[in-house]
C-alpha atoms as a PDB file:
ATOM      1  CA  MET A   1     114.898   0.296 160.043  1.00  0.00           C
ATOM      2  CA  LYS A   2     116.368   3.767 159.953  1.00  0.00           C
ATOM      3  CA  THR A   3     117.487   5.283 163.393  1.00  0.00           C
ATOM      4  CA  LEU A   4     117.406   9.066 164.062  1.00  0.00           C
ATOM      5  CA  LYS A   5     119.407  10.039 167.150  1.00  0.00           C
ATOM      6  CA  ILE A   6     118.184  13.072 168.972  1.00  0.00           C
ATOM      7  CA  PRO A   7     118.932  14.598 172.366  1.00  0.00           C
ATOM      8  CA  LEU A   8     116.067  14.122 174.725  1.00  0.00           C
ATOM      9  CA  ALA A   9     116.661  16.594 177.449  1.00  0.00           C
ATOM     10  CA  ALA A  10     113.134  15.616 178.555  1.00  0.00           C
ATOM     11  CA  ALA A  11     114.925  12.498 179.818  1.00  0.00           C
ATOM     12  CA  ALA A  12     117.278  14.734 181.727  1.00  0.00           C
ATOM     13  CA  ALA A  13     117.412  13.787 185.434  1.00  0.00           C
ATOM     14  CA  ALA A  14     118.519  15.430 188.510  1.00  0.00           C
ATOM     15  CA  LEU A  15     119.831  13.307 191.540  1.00  0.00           C
ATOM     16  CA  VAL A  16     118.444  14.921 194.715  1.00  0.00           C
ATOM     17  CA  LEU A  17     118.990  14.381 198.276  1.00  0.00           C
ATOM     18  CA  ALA A  18     116.345  14.521 201.141  1.00  0.00           C
ATOM     19  CA  SER A  19     116.934  17.909 202.922  1.00  0.00           C
ATOM     20  CA  ALA A  20     116.970  16.316 206.369  1.00  0.00           C
ATOM     21  CA  PRO A  21     119.981  17.607 208.381  1.00  0.00           C
ATOM     22  CA  ALA A  22     122.980  15.492 208.557  1.00  0.00           C
ATOM     23  CA  ALA A  23     124.099  14.358 212.100  1.00  0.00           C
ATOM     24  CA  ALA A  24     127.456  12.853 213.262  1.00  0.00           C
ATOM     25  CA  GLN A  25     127.290   9.086 213.134  1.00  0.00           C
ATOM     26  CA  ASP A  26     128.901   6.636 215.527  1.00  0.00           C
ATOM     27  CA  LYS A  27     127.696   3.565 213.539  1.00  0.00           C
ATOM     28  CA  PRO A  28     127.505   2.896 209.867  1.00  0.00           C
ATOM     29  CA  VAL A  29     124.852   4.693 207.860  1.00  0.00           C
ATOM     30  CA  GLU A  30     122.758   3.270 205.213  1.00  0.00           C
ATOM     31  CA  LEU A  31     121.277   5.585 202.435  1.00  0.00           C
ATOM     32  CA  ARG A  32     118.436   4.586 200.426  1.00  0.00           C
ATOM     33  CA  PHE A  33     118.770   5.369 196.746  1.00  0.00           C
ATOM     34  CA  ALA A  34     115.644   5.003 194.719  1.00  0.00           C
ATOM     35  CA  HIS A  35     115.409   5.139 191.077  1.00  0.00           C
ATOM     36  CA  TRP A  36     112.963   3.837 188.370  1.00  0.00           C
ATOM     37  CA  LEU A  37     115.151   2.079 185.952  1.00  0.00           C
ATOM     38  CA  PRO A  38     115.245  -1.816 185.859  1.00  0.00           C
ATOM     39  CA  PRO A  39     118.209  -3.232 187.658  1.00  0.00           C
ATOM     40  CA  THR A  40     119.652  -4.421 184.447  1.00  0.00           C
ATOM     41  CA  HIS A  41     119.738  -1.077 182.707  1.00  0.00           C
ATOM     42  CA  PRO A  42     123.192   0.061 181.727  1.00  0.00           C
ATOM     43  CA  LEU A  43     122.970   3.230 183.996  1.00  0.00           C
ATOM     44  CA  ALA A  44     121.982   1.188 186.955  1.00  0.00           C
ATOM     45  CA  LYS A  45     124.751  -1.516 186.264  1.00  0.00           C
ATOM     46  CA  LEU A  46     127.581   0.748 185.000  1.00  0.00           C
ATOM     47  CA  GLY A  47     126.650   3.981 187.035  1.00  0.00           C
ATOM     48  CA  PHE A  48     124.545   3.677 190.178  1.00  0.00           C
ATOM     49  CA  GLU A  49     125.995   0.361 191.384  1.00  0.00           C
ATOM     50  CA  PRO A  50     129.732   1.246 191.083  1.00  0.00           C
ATOM     51  CA  TRP A  51     129.002   4.626 192.476  1.00  0.00           C
ATOM     52  CA  ALA A  52     127.334   3.062 195.490  1.00  0.00           C
ATOM     53  CA  LYS A  53     130.295   0.795 195.983  1.00  0.00           C
ATOM     54  CA  SER A  54     132.744   3.719 195.630  1.00  0.00           C
ATOM     55  CA  VAL A  55     130.912   5.522 198.387  1.00  0.00           C
ATOM     56  CA  GLU A  56     131.251   2.620 200.590  1.00  0.00           C
ATOM     57  CA  ALA A  57     134.983   2.190 199.908  1.00  0.00           C
ATOM     58  CA  ALA A  58     135.741   5.934 200.252  1.00  0.00           C
ATOM     59  CA  SER A  59     133.935   6.003 203.556  1.00  0.00           C
ATOM     60  CA  LYS A  60     135.739   2.786 204.748  1.00  0.00           C
ATOM     61  CA  GLY A  61     132.349   1.071 205.181  1.00  0.00           C
ATOM     62  CA  SER A  62     130.832   3.708 207.269  1.00  0.00           C
ATOM     63  CA  ILE A  63     128.378   4.626 204.590  1.00  0.00           C
ATOM     64  CA  LYS A  64     126.353   1.978 202.642  1.00  0.00           C
ATOM     65  CA  VAL A  65     123.997   2.731 199.754  1.00  0.00           C
ATOM     66  CA  ALA A  66     121.039   0.492 199.344  1.00  0.00           C
ATOM     67  CA  LEU A  67     119.758   0.589 195.781  1.00  0.00           C
ATOM     68  CA  PHE A  68     115.993   0.517 195.164  1.00  0.00           C
ATOM     69  CA  PRO A  69     115.458   0.158 191.413  1.00  0.00           C
ATOM     70  CA  ALA A  70     112.418  -0.223 189.303  1.00  0.00           C
ATOM     71  CA  GLN A  71     110.010   1.877 191.153  1.00  0.00           C
ATOM     72  CA  GLN A  72     110.248  -0.184 194.312  1.00  0.00           C
ATOM     73  CA  LEU A  73     109.667   2.746 196.662  1.00  0.00           C
ATOM     74  CA  GLY A  74     107.356   4.849 194.311  1.00  0.00           C
ATOM     75  CA  LYS A  75     106.449   5.434 190.712  1.00  0.00           C
ATOM     76  CA  ALA A  76     108.817   7.353 188.455  1.00  0.00           C
ATOM     77  CA  PRO A  77     106.980  10.719 188.815  1.00  0.00           C
ATOM     78  CA  ASP A  78     107.031  10.605 192.609  1.00  0.00           C
ATOM     79  CA  HIS A  79     110.773  10.465 192.980  1.00  0.00           C
ATOM     80  CA  TYR A  80     111.291  14.216 193.773  1.00  0.00           C
ATOM     81  CA  ASP A  81     108.633  13.987 196.511  1.00  0.00           C
ATOM     82  CA  MET A  82     110.350  10.845 197.849  1.00  0.00           C
ATOM     83  CA  ALA A  83     113.400  12.587 198.483  1.00  0.00           C
ATOM     84  CA  ARG A  84     111.469  15.626 199.958  1.00  0.00           C
ATOM     85  CA  ASP A  85     109.506  13.495 202.267  1.00  0.00           C
ATOM     86  CA  GLY A  86     112.318  11.101 203.319  1.00  0.00           C
ATOM     87  CA  ILE A  87     110.972   8.013 201.698  1.00  0.00           C
ATOM     88  CA  ALA A  88     114.446   7.752 200.142  1.00  0.00           C
ATOM     89  CA  ASP A  89     117.596   9.606 200.951  1.00  0.00           C
ATOM     90  CA  LEU A  90     118.589   9.999 197.328  1.00  0.00           C
ATOM     91  CA  THR A  91     116.563   9.730 194.131  1.00  0.00           C
ATOM     92  CA  TRP A  92     117.100   9.924 190.491  1.00  0.00           C
ATOM     93  CA  VAL A  93     114.443  12.366 189.226  1.00  0.00           C
ATOM     94  CA  ASN A  94     113.106  13.262 185.753  1.00  0.00           C
ATOM     95  CA  PRO A  95     111.608  16.652 186.317  1.00  0.00           C
ATOM     96  CA  GLY A  96     109.757  16.258 182.890  1.00  0.00           C
ATOM     97  CA  TYR A  97     107.583  13.657 184.607  1.00  0.00           C
ATOM     98  CA  GLN A  98     105.699  16.342 186.335  1.00  0.00           C
ATOM     99  CA  ALA A  99     104.875  18.780 183.607  1.00  0.00           C
ATOM    100  CA  GLY A 100     104.773  22.545 184.608  1.00  0.00           C
ATOM    101  CA  ARG A 101     106.296  21.826 188.158  1.00  0.00           C
ATOM    102  CA  PHE A 102     109.847  22.878 187.297  1.00  0.00           C
ATOM    103  CA  PRO A 103     109.394  25.415 184.511  1.00  0.00           C
ATOM    104  CA  MET A 104     113.015  26.577 184.425  1.00  0.00           C
ATOM    105  CA  PHE A 105     114.484  23.001 184.135  1.00  0.00           C
ATOM    106  CA  ALA A 106     111.826  22.537 181.376  1.00  0.00           C
ATOM    107  CA  ALA A 107     113.880  24.918 179.166  1.00  0.00           C
ATOM    108  CA  GLY A 108     116.588  22.228 179.106  1.00  0.00           C
ATOM    109  CA  GLU A 109     113.986  19.800 177.610  1.00  0.00           C
ATOM    110  CA  LEU A 110     113.591  21.575 174.396  1.00  0.00           C
ATOM    111  CA  PRO A 111     114.162  19.142 171.535  1.00  0.00           C
ATOM    112  CA  MET A 112     117.256  19.202 169.501  1.00  0.00           C
ATOM    113  CA  LEU A 113     118.967  21.463 172.024  1.00  0.00           C
ATOM    114  CA  MET A 114     121.801  19.357 172.518  1.00  0.00           C
ATOM    115  CA  SER A 115     123.718  16.759 170.204  1.00  0.00           C
ATOM    116  CA  ASN A 116     126.278  15.524 172.769  1.00  0.00           C
ATOM    117  CA  ALA A 117     125.122  13.958 176.119  1.00  0.00           C
ATOM    118  CA  GLY A 118     128.441  14.672 177.736  1.00  0.00           C
ATOM    119  CA  ARG A 119     128.966  18.288 176.832  1.00  0.00           C
ATOM    120  CA  GLY A 120     125.192  18.984 177.011  1.00  0.00           C
ATOM    121  CA  SER A 121     125.005  17.607 180.633  1.00  0.00           C
ATOM    122  CA  VAL A 122     127.881  19.971 181.666  1.00  0.00           C
ATOM    123  CA  ALA A 123     126.107  22.730 180.081  1.00  0.00           C
ATOM    124  CA  LEU A 124     122.620  21.937 181.419  1.00  0.00           C
ATOM    125  CA  ASP A 125     124.045  21.526 184.979  1.00  0.00           C
ATOM    126  CA  ALA A 126     126.102  24.665 185.009  1.00  0.00           C
ATOM    127  CA  TRP A 127     123.188  26.707 183.617  1.00  0.00           C
ATOM    128  CA  TYR A 128     120.418  25.155 186.049  1.00  0.00           C
ATOM    129  CA  ARG A 129     122.477  25.527 189.177  1.00  0.00           C
ATOM    130  CA  LYS A 130     121.384  29.216 189.543  1.00  0.00           C
ATOM    131  CA  TYR A 131     117.790  28.219 189.432  1.00  0.00           C
ATOM    132  CA  ALA A 132     117.839  24.876 191.354  1.00  0.00           C
ATOM    133  CA  ALA A 133     117.913  26.409 194.917  1.00  0.00           C
ATOM    134  CA  ALA A 134     114.563  28.258 194.125  1.00  0.00           C
ATOM    135  CA  GLU A 135     112.838  25.633 191.980  1.00  0.00           C
ATOM    136  CA  MET A 136     113.914  22.511 193.873  1.00  0.00           C
ATOM    137  CA  LYS A 137     114.076  24.239 197.403  1.00  0.00           C
ATOM    138  CA  ASP A 138     112.757  21.217 199.262  1.00  0.00           C
ATOM    139  CA  VAL A 139     115.787  18.986 198.394  1.00  0.00           C
ATOM    140  CA  LYS A 140     119.488  19.156 197.958  1.00  0.00           C
ATOM    141  CA  PHE A 141     120.098  19.388 194.162  1.00  0.00           C
ATOM    142  CA  CYS A 142     123.163  17.400 193.208  1.00  0.00           C
ATOM    143  CA  PHE A 143     123.440  17.546 189.461  1.00  0.00           C
ATOM    144  CA  ALA A 144     121.583  17.463 186.120  1.00  0.00           C
ATOM    145  CA  HIS A 145     122.328  15.497 182.999  1.00  0.00           C
ATOM    146  CA  VAL A 146     120.702  14.967 179.567  1.00  0.00           C
ATOM    147  CA  HIS A 147     120.006  11.667 177.699  1.00  0.00           C
ATOM    148  CA  THR A 148     120.455  11.277 174.151  1.00  0.00           C
ATOM    149  CA  GLY A 149     117.818   8.786 172.871  1.00  0.00           C
ATOM    150  CA  THR A 150     116.728   7.547 169.595  1.00  0.00           C
ATOM    151  CA  LEU A 151     113.640   7.436 167.523  1.00  0.00           C
ATOM    152  CA  HIS A 152     112.735   4.514 165.311  1.00  0.00           C
ATOM    153  CA  SER A 153     110.581   4.305 162.214  1.00  0.00           C
ATOM    154  CA  LYS A 154     109.942   1.993 159.350  1.00  0.00           C
ATOM    155  CA  GLN A 155     110.631   4.779 156.814  1.00  0.00           C
ATOM    156  CA  ALA A 156     113.434   7.273 156.596  1.00  0.00           C
ATOM    157  CA  MET A 157     112.811  10.633 158.268  1.00  0.00           C
ATOM    158  CA  PRO A 158     116.134  12.548 157.700  1.00  0.00           C
ATOM    159  CA  ASP A 159     114.500  15.925 158.484  1.00  0.00           C
ATOM    160  CA  PRO A 160     112.671  16.590 161.935  1.00  0.00           C
ATOM    161  CA  ALA A 161     109.950  18.287 159.921  1.00  0.00           C
ATOM    162  CA  GLN A 162     108.928  14.915 158.501  1.00  0.00           C
ATOM    163  CA  ILE A 163     107.989  13.562 161.814  1.00  0.00           C
END
């Protein structure tokens, strides 16, 4: 089976925070972080979990992050609204799951746009920041990143025109 690697900016995601005002806290705070990946996914295990632990460590235990994977608090397309509505304090959003809602971000979903997920993420995030405040005004936009995925086929397709 031949694998053709392509960037899937359509799988780019933006982490957003609910826009509720922050208040000084006398007791520990628990933030709800919702995402739609299974808890065993590498991004959940190697990204979200260590990040949550680092927040707790950096805050000396005054901030804890409760993870809600696998669409526990809502379906994948609902995660932007979940942050906006306070269902979760932080969410991992795929703007492409709501076609037409985020037209500027959709420009970053063009196929074959980026070949390196790391450099592409830096570029997408830097470019989108000037549009995020208007397009995602209901939440606090944290960052955007791309995902480089793969297509699989039983026959070789070395040229995208063959797809």
